[in-house]
PDB file of N, CA and C in Angstrom:
ATOM      1  N   MET A   1      81.081 109.484 128.533  1.00  0.00           N
ATOM      2  CA  MET A   1      80.908 110.329 127.370  1.00  0.00           C
ATOM      3  C   MET A   1      82.218 110.448 126.599  1.00  0.00           C
ATOM      4  N   LYS A   2      83.317 110.579 127.330  1.00  0.00           N
ATOM      5  CA  LYS A   2      84.619 110.711 126.692  1.00  0.00           C
ATOM      6  C   LYS A   2      84.968 109.443 125.914  1.00  0.00           C
ATOM      7  N   LYS A   3      84.645 108.268 126.484  1.00  0.00           N
ATOM      8  CA  LYS A   3      84.904 106.997 125.804  1.00  0.00           C
ATOM      9  C   LYS A   3      84.089 106.887 124.525  1.00  0.00           C
ATOM     10  N   MET A   4      82.830 107.348 124.578  1.00  0.00           N
ATOM     11  CA  MET A   4      81.970 107.297 123.394  1.00  0.00           C
ATOM     12  C   MET A   4      82.534 108.190 122.299  1.00  0.00           C
ATOM     13  N   MET A   5      83.005 109.371 122.651  1.00  0.00           N
ATOM     14  CA  MET A   5      83.572 110.288 121.660  1.00  0.00           C
ATOM     15  C   MET A   5      84.838 109.703 121.049  1.00  0.00           C
ATOM     16  N   THR A   6      85.681 109.119 121.891  1.00  0.00           N
ATOM     17  CA  THR A   6      86.913 108.512 121.401  1.00  0.00           C
ATOM     18  C   THR A   6      86.590 107.368 120.447  1.00  0.00           C
ATOM     19  N   SER A   7      85.634 106.537 120.812  1.00  0.00           N
ATOM     20  CA  SER A   7      85.226 105.431 119.949  1.00  0.00           C
ATOM     21  C   SER A   7      84.664 105.931 118.623  1.00  0.00           C
ATOM     22  N   ALA A   8      83.870 106.978 118.684  1.00  0.00           N
ATOM     23  CA  ALA A   8      83.272 107.537 117.465  1.00  0.00           C
ATOM     24  C   ALA A   8      84.348 108.099 116.543  1.00  0.00           C
ATOM     25  N   VAL A   9      85.331 108.780 117.107  1.00  0.00           N
ATOM     26  CA  VAL A   9      86.418 109.346 116.299  1.00  0.00           C
ATOM     27  C   VAL A   9      87.238 108.226 115.670  1.00  0.00           C
ATOM     28  N   LEU A  10      87.542 107.191 116.431  1.00  0.00           N
ATOM     29  CA  LEU A  10      88.304 106.062 115.894  1.00  0.00           C
ATOM     30  C   LEU A  10      87.540 105.371 114.769  1.00  0.00           C
ATOM     31  N   ALA A  11      86.259 105.159 114.956  1.00  0.00           N
ATOM     32  CA  ALA A  11      85.436 104.510 113.929  1.00  0.00           C
ATOM     33  C   ALA A  11      85.381 105.362 112.664  1.00  0.00           C
ATOM     34  N   ALA A  12      85.222 106.654 112.823  1.00  0.00           N
ATOM     35  CA  ALA A  12      85.173 107.558 111.667  1.00  0.00           C
ATOM     36  C   ALA A  12      86.497 107.555 110.923  1.00  0.00           C
ATOM     37  N   THR A  13      87.593 107.551 111.655  1.00  0.00           N
ATOM     38  CA  THR A  13      88.913 107.522 111.034  1.00  0.00           C
ATOM     39  C   THR A  13      89.104 106.241 110.237  1.00  0.00           C
ATOM     40  N   LEU A  14      88.697 105.119 110.804  1.00  0.00           N
ATOM     41  CA  LEU A  14      88.808 103.842 110.105  1.00  0.00           C
ATOM     42  C   LEU A  14      87.966 103.842 108.842  1.00  0.00           C
ATOM     43  N   CYS A  15      86.761 104.333 108.928  1.00  0.00           N
ATOM     44  CA  CYS A  15      85.877 104.385 107.754  1.00  0.00           C
ATOM     45  C   CYS A  15      86.466 105.255 106.656  1.00  0.00           C
ATOM     46  N   LEU A  16      87.023 106.400 107.023  1.00  0.00           N
ATOM     47  CA  LEU A  16      87.634 107.281 106.029  1.00  0.00           C
ATOM     48  C   LEU A  16      88.851 106.627 105.402  1.00  0.00           C
ATOM     49  N   ALA A  17      89.653 105.949 106.212  1.00  0.00           N
ATOM     50  CA  ALA A  17      90.839 105.288 105.682  1.00  0.00           C
ATOM     51  C   ALA A  17      90.446 104.220 104.670  1.00  0.00           C
ATOM     52  N   VAL A  18      89.385 103.497 104.952  1.00  0.00           N
ATOM     53  CA  VAL A  18      88.915 102.468 104.034  1.00  0.00           C
ATOM     54  C   VAL A  18      88.301 103.103 102.790  1.00  0.00           C
ATOM     55  N   ALA A  19      87.473 104.112 102.979  1.00  0.00           N
ATOM     56  CA  ALA A  19      86.789 104.743 101.852  1.00  0.00           C
ATOM     57  C   ALA A  19      87.754 105.392 100.873  1.00  0.00           C
ATOM     58  N   PHE A  20      88.829 105.953 101.386  1.00  0.00           N
ATOM     59  CA  PHE A  20      89.781 106.642 100.524  1.00  0.00           C
ATOM     60  C   PHE A  20      91.049 105.834 100.308  1.00  0.00           C
ATOM     61  N   GLY A  21      90.995 104.548 100.578  1.00  0.00           N
ATOM     62  CA  GLY A  21      92.155 103.694 100.401  1.00  0.00           C
ATOM     63  C   GLY A  21      92.630 103.712  98.962  1.00  0.00           C
ATOM     64  N   ALA A  22      93.919 103.721  98.815  1.00  0.00           N
ATOM     65  CA  ALA A  22      94.504 103.754  97.480  1.00  0.00           C
ATOM     66  C   ALA A  22      94.317 102.414  96.780  1.00  0.00           C
ATOM     67  N   SER A  23      94.306 102.482  95.476  1.00  0.00           N
ATOM     68  CA  SER A  23      94.223 101.266  94.680  1.00  0.00           C
ATOM     69  C   SER A  23      95.625 100.904  94.208  1.00  0.00           C
ATOM     70  N   GLY A  24      95.893  99.614  94.136  1.00  0.00           N
ATOM     71  CA  GLY A  24      97.189  99.164  93.637  1.00  0.00           C
ATOM     72  C   GLY A  24      97.642  97.891  94.302  1.00  0.00           C
ATOM     73  N   ASN A  25      98.816  97.423  93.873  1.00  0.00           N
ATOM     74  CA  ASN A  25      99.393  96.213  94.444  1.00  0.00           C
ATOM     75  C   ASN A  25      99.656  96.406  95.932  1.00  0.00           C
ATOM     76  N   VAL A  26      99.374  95.390  96.696  1.00  0.00           N
ATOM     77  CA  VAL A  26      99.692  95.392  98.122  1.00  0.00           C
ATOM     78  C   VAL A  26     100.791  94.355  98.301  1.00  0.00           C
ATOM     79  N   GLU A  27     101.997  94.832  98.492  1.00  0.00           N
ATOM     80  CA  GLU A  27     103.149  93.927  98.587  1.00  0.00           C
ATOM     81  C   GLU A  27     103.360  93.386  99.997  1.00  0.00           C
ATOM     82  N   LYS A  28     102.876  94.095 101.000  1.00  0.00           N
ATOM     83  CA  LYS A  28     103.065  93.666 102.380  1.00  0.00           C
ATOM     84  C   LYS A  28     101.732  93.182 102.937  1.00  0.00           C
ATOM     85  N   ARG A  29     101.616  91.884 103.125  1.00  0.00           N
ATOM     86  CA  ARG A  29     100.361  91.300 103.601  1.00  0.00           C
ATOM     87  C   ARG A  29      99.928  91.818 104.964  1.00  0.00           C
ATOM     88  N   GLU A  30     100.885  92.279 105.764  1.00  0.00           N
ATOM     89  CA  GLU A  30     100.524  92.780 107.091  1.00  0.00           C
ATOM     90  C   GLU A  30      99.667  94.030 107.019  1.00  0.00           C
ATOM     91  N   TYR A  31      99.529  94.613 105.849  1.00  0.00           N
ATOM     92  CA  TYR A  31      98.672  95.783 105.653  1.00  0.00           C
ATOM     93  C   TYR A  31      97.281  95.394 105.132  1.00  0.00           C
ATOM     94  N   VAL A  32      96.923  94.133 105.336  1.00  0.00           N
ATOM     95  CA  VAL A  32      95.607  93.652 104.903  1.00  0.00           C
ATOM     96  C   VAL A  32      94.932  92.955 106.075  1.00  0.00           C
ATOM     97  N   CYS A  33      93.698  93.345 106.371  1.00  0.00           N
ATOM     98  CA  CYS A  33      92.904  92.579 107.326  1.00  0.00           C
ATOM     99  C   CYS A  33      92.245  91.483 106.501  1.00  0.00           C
ATOM    100  N   MET A  34      92.717  90.275 106.660  1.00  0.00           N
ATOM    101  CA  MET A  34      92.233  89.160 105.862  1.00  0.00           C
ATOM    102  C   MET A  34      90.879  88.647 106.327  1.00  0.00           C
ATOM    103  N   MET A  35      90.422  89.103 107.470  1.00  0.00           N
ATOM    104  CA  MET A  35      89.099  88.707 107.949  1.00  0.00           C
ATOM    105  C   MET A  35      88.031  89.607 107.330  1.00  0.00           C
ATOM    106  N   GLN A  36      88.385  90.887 107.127  1.00  0.00           N
ATOM    107  CA  GLN A  36      87.430  91.839 106.556  1.00  0.00           C
ATOM    108  C   GLN A  36      87.778  92.194 105.105  1.00  0.00           C
ATOM    109  N   ASP A  37      88.866  91.621 104.607  1.00  0.00           N
ATOM    110  CA  ASP A  37      89.317  91.865 103.228  1.00  0.00           C
ATOM    111  C   ASP A  37      89.443  93.350 102.933  1.00  0.00           C
ATOM    112  N   MET A  38      90.163  94.025 103.798  1.00  0.00           N
ATOM    113  CA  MET A  38      90.366  95.458 103.589  1.00  0.00           C
ATOM    114  C   MET A  38      91.834  95.806 103.761  1.00  0.00           C
ATOM    115  N   VAL A  39      92.269  96.813 103.008  1.00  0.00           N
ATOM    116  CA  VAL A  39      93.631  97.303 103.097  1.00  0.00           C
ATOM    117  C   VAL A  39      93.705  98.258 104.286  1.00  0.00           C
ATOM    118  N   LEU A  40      94.726  98.063 105.102  1.00  0.00           N
ATOM    119  CA  LEU A  40      94.897  98.870 106.310  1.00  0.00           C
ATOM    120  C   LEU A  40      95.892  99.999 106.079  1.00  0.00           C
ATOM    121  N   THR A  41      95.811 101.028 106.891  1.00  0.00           N
ATOM    122  CA  THR A  41      96.748 102.139 106.802  1.00  0.00           C
ATOM    123  C   THR A  41      97.975 101.916 107.672  1.00  0.00           C
ATOM    124  N   LYS A  42      97.931 100.888 108.511  1.00  0.00           N
ATOM    125  CA  LYS A  42      99.076 100.518 109.341  1.00  0.00           C
ATOM    126  C   LYS A  42      99.094  98.996 109.458  1.00  0.00           C
ATOM    127  N   PRO A  43     100.223  98.412 109.838  1.00  0.00           N
ATOM    128  CA  PRO A  43     100.291  96.953 109.945  1.00  0.00           C
ATOM    129  C   PRO A  43      99.268  96.403 110.940  1.00  0.00           C
ATOM    130  N   GLY A  44      98.674  95.276 110.572  1.00  0.00           N
ATOM    131  CA  GLY A  44      97.724  94.599 111.439  1.00  0.00           C
ATOM    132  C   GLY A  44      98.446  93.641 112.368  1.00  0.00           C
ATOM    133  N   ILE A  45      97.676  92.738 112.949  1.00  0.00           N
ATOM    134  CA  ILE A  45      98.263  91.756 113.862  1.00  0.00           C
ATOM    135  C   ILE A  45      98.412  90.421 113.162  1.00  0.00           C
ATOM    136  N   ALA A  46      99.530  89.762 113.412  1.00  0.00           N
ATOM    137  CA  ALA A  46      99.794  88.452 112.813  1.00  0.00           C
ATOM    138  C   ALA A  46      98.978  87.398 113.548  1.00  0.00           C
ATOM    139  N   ILE A  47      98.381  86.505 112.774  1.00  0.00           N
ATOM    140  CA  ILE A  47      97.585  85.413 113.321  1.00  0.00           C
ATOM    141  C   ILE A  47      98.118  84.125 112.720  1.00  0.00           C
ATOM    142  N   GLN A  48      98.597  83.228 113.568  1.00  0.00           N
ATOM    143  CA  GLN A  48      99.136  81.954 113.099  1.00  0.00           C
ATOM    144  C   GLN A  48      98.018  80.927 112.994  1.00  0.00           C
ATOM    145  N   TYR A  49      97.988  80.228 111.872  1.00  0.00           N
ATOM    146  CA  TYR A  49      97.005  79.160 111.692  1.00  0.00           C
ATOM    147  C   TYR A  49      97.624  78.101 110.786  1.00  0.00           C
ATOM    148  N   GLN A  50      97.716  76.909 111.274  1.00  0.00           N
ATOM    149  CA  GLN A  50      98.267  75.759 110.557  1.00  0.00           C
ATOM    150  C   GLN A  50      99.605  76.082 109.889  1.00  0.00           C
ATOM    151  N   GLY A  51     100.485  76.733 110.647  1.00  0.00           N
ATOM    152  CA  GLY A  51     101.829  77.012 110.172  1.00  0.00           C
ATOM    153  C   GLY A  51     101.947  78.178 109.199  1.00  0.00           C
ATOM    154  N   LYS A  52     100.873  78.896 108.970  1.00  0.00           N
ATOM    155  CA  LYS A  52     100.897  80.044 108.060  1.00  0.00           C
ATOM    156  C   LYS A  52     100.509  81.298 108.823  1.00  0.00           C
ATOM    157  N   THR A  53     100.901  82.447 108.275  1.00  0.00           N
ATOM    158  CA  THR A  53     100.590  83.718 108.911  1.00  0.00           C
ATOM    159  C   THR A  53      99.540  84.465 108.114  1.00  0.00           C
ATOM    160  N   TYR A  54      98.463  84.785 108.801  1.00  0.00           N
ATOM    161  CA  TYR A  54      97.382  85.602 108.258  1.00  0.00           C
ATOM    162  C   TYR A  54      97.393  86.897 109.068  1.00  0.00           C
ATOM    163  N   TYR A  55      96.706  87.921 108.587  1.00  0.00           N
ATOM    164  CA  TYR A  55      96.706  89.190 109.294  1.00  0.00           C
ATOM    165  C   TYR A  55      95.286  89.668 109.540  1.00  0.00           C
ATOM    166  N   GLY A  56      95.123  90.306 110.685  1.00  0.00           N
ATOM    167  CA  GLY A  56      93.829  90.874 111.055  1.00  0.00           C
ATOM    168  C   GLY A  56      94.034  92.271 111.590  1.00  0.00           C
ATOM    169  N   CYS A  57      92.935  92.958 111.837  1.00  0.00           N
ATOM    170  CA  CYS A  57      93.040  94.337 112.325  1.00  0.00           C
ATOM    171  C   CYS A  57      92.811  94.451 113.827  1.00  0.00           C
ATOM    172  N   CYS A  58      92.286  93.387 114.448  1.00  0.00           N
ATOM    173  CA  CYS A  58      91.980  93.483 115.878  1.00  0.00           C
ATOM    174  C   CYS A  58      91.906  92.086 116.503  1.00  0.00           C
ATOM    175  N   ALA A  59      91.722  92.053 117.802  1.00  0.00           N
ATOM    176  CA  ALA A  59      91.664  90.785 118.532  1.00  0.00           C
ATOM    177  C   ALA A  59      90.486  89.915 118.075  1.00  0.00           C
ATOM    178  N   MET A  60      89.393  90.547 117.643  1.00  0.00           N
ATOM    179  CA  MET A  60      88.233  89.768 117.177  1.00  0.00           C
ATOM    180  C   MET A  60      88.589  88.927 115.953  1.00  0.00           C
ATOM    181  N   CYS A  61      89.558  89.397 115.176  1.00  0.00           N
ATOM    182  CA  CYS A  61      89.962  88.651 113.983  1.00  0.00           C
ATOM    183  C   CYS A  61      90.547  87.285 114.354  1.00  0.00           C
ATOM    184  N   LYS A  62      91.260  87.235 115.473  1.00  0.00           N
ATOM    185  CA  LYS A  62      91.810  85.955 115.937  1.00  0.00           C
ATOM    186  C   LYS A  62      90.686  84.959 116.204  1.00  0.00           C
ATOM    187  N   GLU A  63      89.617  85.429 116.788  1.00  0.00           N
ATOM    188  CA  GLU A  63      88.478  84.564 117.074  1.00  0.00           C
ATOM    189  C   GLU A  63      87.791  84.117 115.784  1.00  0.00           C
ATOM    190  N   LYS A  64      87.671  85.012 114.832  1.00  0.00           N
ATOM    191  CA  LYS A  64      87.018  84.672 113.564  1.00  0.00           C
ATOM    192  C   LYS A  64      87.746  83.537 112.863  1.00  0.00           C
ATOM    193  N   ILE A  65      89.071  83.654 112.768  1.00  0.00           N
ATOM    194  CA  ILE A  65      89.828  82.623 112.061  1.00  0.00           C
ATOM    195  C   ILE A  65      89.799  81.304 112.836  1.00  0.00           C
ATOM    196  N   LYS A  66      89.770  81.387 114.146  1.00  0.00           N
ATOM    197  CA  LYS A  66      89.707  80.188 114.984  1.00  0.00           C
ATOM    198  C   LYS A  66      88.363  79.477 114.798  1.00  0.00           C
ATOM    199  N   ASN A  67      87.273  80.243 114.720  1.00  0.00           N
ATOM    200  CA  ASN A  67      85.932  79.669 114.636  1.00  0.00           C
ATOM    201  C   ASN A  67      85.513  79.264 113.226  1.00  0.00           C
ATOM    202  N   GLU A  68      85.989  79.972 112.207  1.00  0.00           N
ATOM    203  CA  GLU A  68      85.618  79.669 110.822  1.00  0.00           C
ATOM    204  C   GLU A  68      86.835  79.796 109.898  1.00  0.00           C
ATOM    205  N   PRO A  69      87.817  78.911 110.071  1.00  0.00           N
ATOM    206  CA  PRO A  69      89.064  79.070 109.326  1.00  0.00           C
ATOM    207  C   PRO A  69      88.913  79.047 107.804  1.00  0.00           C
ATOM    208  N   LYS A  70      88.088  78.186 107.273  1.00  0.00           N
ATOM    209  CA  LYS A  70      87.956  78.119 105.815  1.00  0.00           C
ATOM    210  C   LYS A  70      87.373  79.398 105.239  1.00  0.00           C
ATOM    211  N   LYS A  71      86.470  80.021 105.976  1.00  0.00           N
ATOM    212  CA  LYS A  71      85.858  81.261 105.520  1.00  0.00           C
ATOM    213  C   LYS A  71      86.875  82.401 105.462  1.00  0.00           C
ATOM    214  N   TYR A  72      87.804  82.428 106.409  1.00  0.00           N
ATOM    215  CA  TYR A  72      88.704  83.576 106.528  1.00  0.00           C
ATOM    216  C   TYR A  72      90.120  83.340 106.005  1.00  0.00           C
ATOM    217  N   THR A  73      90.492  82.120 105.675  1.00  0.00           N
ATOM    218  CA  THR A  73      91.834  81.869 105.150  1.00  0.00           C
ATOM    219  C   THR A  73      91.837  81.689 103.641  1.00  0.00           C
ATOM    220  N   ARG A  74      90.679  81.613 103.040  1.00  0.00           N
ATOM    221  CA  ARG A  74      90.557  81.379 101.595  1.00  0.00           C
ATOM    222  C   ARG A  74      89.809  82.519 100.919  1.00  0.00           C
ATOM    223  N   ALA A  75      90.083  82.660  99.632  1.00  0.00           N
ATOM    224  CA  ALA A  75      89.381  83.643  98.804  1.00  0.00           C
ATOM    225  C   ALA A  75      89.317  83.086  97.387  1.00  0.00           C
ATOM    226  N   ILE A  76      88.514  83.715  96.560  1.00  0.00           N
ATOM    227  CA  ILE A  76      88.408  83.326  95.151  1.00  0.00           C
ATOM    228  C   ILE A  76      89.135  84.365  94.302  1.00  0.00           C
ATOM    229  N   ASP A  77      90.060  83.907  93.486  1.00  0.00           N
ATOM    230  CA  ASP A  77      90.769  84.765  92.544  1.00  0.00           C
ATOM    231  C   ASP A  77      89.738  85.263  91.539  1.00  0.00           C
ATOM    232  N   PRO A  78      89.499  86.585  91.460  1.00  0.00           N
ATOM    233  CA  PRO A  78      88.454  87.100  90.569  1.00  0.00           C
ATOM    234  C   PRO A  78      88.727  86.852  89.081  1.00  0.00           C
ATOM    235  N   VAL A  79      89.980  86.640  88.715  1.00  0.00           N
ATOM    236  CA  VAL A  79      90.323  86.429  87.313  1.00  0.00           C
ATOM    237  C   VAL A  79      90.146  84.968  86.918  1.00  0.00           C
ATOM    238  N   SER A  80      90.712  84.059  87.706  1.00  0.00           N
ATOM    239  CA  SER A  80      90.656  82.631  87.356  1.00  0.00           C
ATOM    240  C   SER A  80      89.450  81.917  87.939  1.00  0.00           C
ATOM    241  N   GLY A  81      88.869  82.483  89.006  1.00  0.00           N
ATOM    242  CA  GLY A  81      87.758  81.820  89.679  1.00  0.00           C
ATOM    243  C   GLY A  81      88.207  80.694  90.597  1.00  0.00           C
ATOM    244  N   LYS A  82      89.522  80.542  90.772  1.00  0.00           N
ATOM    245  CA  LYS A  82      90.057  79.473  91.616  1.00  0.00           C
ATOM    246  C   LYS A  82      90.233  79.948  93.059  1.00  0.00           C
ATOM    247  N   GLN A  83      90.139  78.995  93.967  1.00  0.00           N
ATOM    248  CA  GLN A  83      90.330  79.298  95.379  1.00  0.00           C
ATOM    249  C   GLN A  83      91.817  79.503  95.655  1.00  0.00           C
ATOM    250  N   VAL A  84      92.129  80.514  96.477  1.00  0.00           N
ATOM    251  CA  VAL A  84      93.510  80.789  96.868  1.00  0.00           C
ATOM    252  C   VAL A  84      93.597  80.896  98.383  1.00  0.00           C
ATOM    253  N   ASP A  85      94.788  80.621  98.894  1.00  0.00           N
ATOM    254  CA  ASP A  85      95.080  80.773 100.312  1.00  0.00           C
ATOM    255  C   ASP A  85      95.551  82.216 100.519  1.00  0.00           C
ATOM    256  N   LYS A  86      94.878  82.949 101.378  1.00  0.00           N
ATOM    257  CA  LYS A  86      95.204  84.364 101.586  1.00  0.00           C
ATOM    258  C   LYS A  86      96.632  84.567 102.081  1.00  0.00           C
ATOM    259  N   ALA A  87      97.189  83.611 102.809  1.00  0.00           N
ATOM    260  CA  ALA A  87      98.547  83.737 103.324  1.00  0.00           C
ATOM    261  C   ALA A  87      99.583  83.692 102.208  1.00  0.00           C
ATOM    262  N   GLU A  88      99.219  83.144 101.059  1.00  0.00           N
ATOM    263  CA  GLU A  88     100.161  82.977  99.952  1.00  0.00           C
ATOM    264  C   GLU A  88      99.781  83.787  98.712  1.00  0.00           C
ATOM    265  N   ALA A  89      98.619  84.375  98.712  1.00  0.00           N
ATOM    266  CA  ALA A  89      98.092  85.046  97.521  1.00  0.00           C
ATOM    267  C   ALA A  89      98.776  86.382  97.248  1.00  0.00           C
ATOM    268  N   PHE A  90      98.690  86.811  96.001  1.00  0.00           N
ATOM    269  CA  PHE A  90      99.091  88.153  95.604  1.00  0.00           C
ATOM    270  C   PHE A  90      97.874  89.039  95.865  1.00  0.00           C
ATOM    271  N   VAL A  91      98.104  90.237  96.386  1.00  0.00           N
ATOM    272  CA  VAL A  91      96.998  91.088  96.827  1.00  0.00           C
ATOM    273  C   VAL A  91      96.972  92.392  96.027  1.00  0.00           C
ATOM    274  N   TYR A  92      95.760  92.826  95.718  1.00  0.00           N
ATOM    275  CA  TYR A  92      95.545  94.106  95.047  1.00  0.00           C
ATOM    276  C   TYR A  92      94.427  94.818  95.789  1.00  0.00           C
ATOM    277  N   GLY A  93      94.598  96.106  96.040  1.00  0.00           N
ATOM    278  CA  GLY A  93      93.587  96.884  96.732  1.00  0.00           C
ATOM    279  C   GLY A  93      92.844  97.810  95.798  1.00  0.00           C
ATOM    280  N   VAL A  94      91.529  97.892  95.975  1.00  0.00           N
ATOM    281  CA  VAL A  94      90.688  98.820  95.225  1.00  0.00           C
ATOM    282  C   VAL A  94      89.822  99.556  96.238  1.00  0.00           C
ATOM    283  N   GLU A  95      90.058 100.851  96.364  1.00  0.00           N
ATOM    284  CA  GLU A  95      89.301 101.696  97.284  1.00  0.00           C
ATOM    285  C   GLU A  95      89.185 101.091  98.683  1.00  0.00           C
ATOM    286  N   GLY A  96      90.288 100.546  99.161  1.00  0.00           N
ATOM    287  CA  GLY A  96      90.327  99.988 100.504  1.00  0.00           C
ATOM    288  C   GLY A  96      89.947  98.530 100.619  1.00  0.00           C
ATOM    289  N   ASN A  97      89.415  97.929  99.554  1.00  0.00           N
ATOM    290  CA  ASN A  97      89.053  96.512  99.570  1.00  0.00           C
ATOM    291  C   ASN A  97      90.212  95.681  99.021  1.00  0.00           C
ATOM    292  N   ALA A  98      90.465  94.538  99.636  1.00  0.00           N
ATOM    293  CA  ALA A  98      91.550  93.659  99.216  1.00  0.00           C
ATOM    294  C   ALA A  98      91.007  92.510  98.372  1.00  0.00           C
ATOM    295  N   TYR A  99      91.715  92.214  97.287  1.00  0.00           N
ATOM    296  CA  TYR A  99      91.387  91.095  96.402  1.00  0.00           C
ATOM    297  C   TYR A  99      92.628  90.222  96.288  1.00  0.00           C
ATOM    298  N   TYR A 100      92.425  88.920  96.192  1.00  0.00           N
ATOM    299  CA  TYR A 100      93.509  87.948  96.264  1.00  0.00           C
ATOM    300  C   TYR A 100      93.628  87.176  94.951  1.00  0.00           C
ATOM    301  N   PHE A 101      94.901  86.895  94.560  1.00  0.00           N
ATOM    302  CA  PHE A 101      95.161  86.265  93.265  1.00  0.00           C
ATOM    303  C   PHE A 101      96.158  85.124  93.392  1.00  0.00           C
ATOM    304  N   SER A 102      96.012  84.151  92.501  1.00  0.00           N
ATOM    305  CA  SER A 102      96.895  82.994  92.516  1.00  0.00           C
ATOM    306  C   SER A 102      98.232  83.281  91.844  1.00  0.00           C
ATOM    307  N   SER A 103      98.323  84.349  91.052  1.00  0.00           N
ATOM    308  CA  SER A 103      99.571  84.671  90.359  1.00  0.00           C
ATOM    309  C   SER A 103      99.697  86.170  90.134  1.00  0.00           C
ATOM    310  N   LYS A 104     100.929  86.609  89.879  1.00  0.00           N
ATOM    311  CA  LYS A 104     101.166  88.016  89.554  1.00  0.00           C
ATOM    312  C   LYS A 104     100.468  88.373  88.248  1.00  0.00           C
ATOM    313  N   GLU A 105     100.419  87.414  87.331  1.00  0.00           N
ATOM    314  CA  GLU A 105      99.777  87.658  86.039  1.00  0.00           C
ATOM    315  C   GLU A 105      98.290  87.945  86.220  1.00  0.00           C
ATOM    316  N   ASN A 106      97.616  87.174  87.063  1.00  0.00           N
ATOM    317  CA  ASN A 106      96.188  87.408  87.314  1.00  0.00           C
ATOM    318  C   ASN A 106      95.972  88.761  87.980  1.00  0.00           C
ATOM    319  N   ARG A 107      96.859  89.101  88.914  1.00  0.00           N
ATOM    320  CA  ARG A 107      96.743  90.400  89.581  1.00  0.00           C
ATOM    321  C   ARG A 107      96.923  91.527  88.567  1.00  0.00           C
ATOM    322  N   LYS A 108      97.868  91.373  87.653  1.00  0.00           N
ATOM    323  CA  LYS A 108      98.105  92.394  86.621  1.00  0.00           C
ATOM    324  C   LYS A 108      96.895  92.515  85.697  1.00  0.00           C
ATOM    325  N   THR A 109      96.330  91.394  85.299  1.00  0.00           N
ATOM    326  CA  THR A 109      95.142  91.398  84.444  1.00  0.00           C
ATOM    327  C   THR A 109      93.998  92.133  85.129  1.00  0.00           C
ATOM    328  N   PHE A 110      93.785  91.853  86.398  1.00  0.00           N
ATOM    329  CA  PHE A 110      92.750  92.517  87.188  1.00  0.00           C
ATOM    330  C   PHE A 110      93.011  94.018  87.265  1.00  0.00           C
ATOM    331  N   ALA A 111      94.269  94.400  87.520  1.00  0.00           N
ATOM    332  CA  ALA A 111      94.636  95.808  87.686  1.00  0.00           C
ATOM    333  C   ALA A 111      94.349  96.624  86.431  1.00  0.00           C
ATOM    334  N   GLU A 112      94.427  95.996  85.273  1.00  0.00           N
ATOM    335  CA  GLU A 112      94.178  96.702  84.017  1.00  0.00           C
ATOM    336  C   GLU A 112      92.715  97.091  83.845  1.00  0.00           C
ATOM    337  N   ASN A 113      91.801  96.335  84.475  1.00  0.00           N
ATOM    338  CA  ASN A 113      90.366  96.645  84.355  1.00  0.00           C
ATOM    339  C   ASN A 113      89.602  95.998  85.508  1.00  0.00           C
ATOM    340  N   PRO A 114      89.747  96.524  86.730  1.00  0.00           N
ATOM    341  CA  PRO A 114      89.073  95.912  87.881  1.00  0.00           C
ATOM    342  C   PRO A 114      87.552  95.795  87.717  1.00  0.00           C
ATOM    343  N   GLY A 115      86.943  96.788  87.101  1.00  0.00           N
ATOM    344  CA  GLY A 115      85.474  96.782  86.932  1.00  0.00           C
ATOM    345  C   GLY A 115      84.963  95.564  86.193  1.00  0.00           C
ATOM    346  N   LYS A 116      85.781  95.027  85.324  1.00  0.00           N
ATOM    347  CA  LYS A 116      85.392  93.840  84.555  1.00  0.00           C
ATOM    348  C   LYS A 116      85.189  92.632  85.478  1.00  0.00           C
ATOM    349  N   TYR A 117      85.926  92.588  86.584  1.00  0.00           N
ATOM    350  CA  TYR A 117      85.900  91.421  87.466  1.00  0.00           C
ATOM    351  C   TYR A 117      85.103  91.620  88.746  1.00  0.00           C
ATOM    352  N   LEU A 118      84.807  92.855  89.085  1.00  0.00           N
ATOM    353  CA  LEU A 118      84.078  93.114  90.318  1.00  0.00           C
ATOM    354  C   LEU A 118      82.578  93.001  90.088  1.00  0.00           C
ATOM    355  N   LYS A 119      81.907  92.391  91.041  1.00  0.00           N
ATOM    356  CA  LYS A 119      80.451  92.277  90.957  1.00  0.00           C
ATOM    357  C   LYS A 119      79.838  93.640  91.159  1.00  0.00           C
ATOM    358  N   LYS A 120      78.831  93.916  90.396  1.00  0.00           N
ATOM    359  CA  LYS A 120      78.165  95.225  90.515  1.00  0.00           C
ATOM    360  C   LYS A 120      76.782  95.061  91.065  1.00  0.00           C
TER     361      LYS A 120
END
């Protein structure tokens, strides 16, 4: 019972952190779970893949990148529509969700009006 309560409290805390995550530039990639595309409240774990460093929030993330690397190491820049490598991309957070960009200019354009680029 104690383990269930502890797990429930941890899950609730994580959900609240994501739900109330601040919006803005994310300069430190270690604060992004690149498997779940979410901004973290504390540094995640480094995951090495093909000489690059990606970040995850838990041990399961290591398995995800190992099993489906293209799915978890790449993203689409919402402004340009081009594929980017998450290990090298510029990151912007909106309400706890992470978005990846090929340039600072694209990230700035997105930041000025995120709703224009987000799917509704």
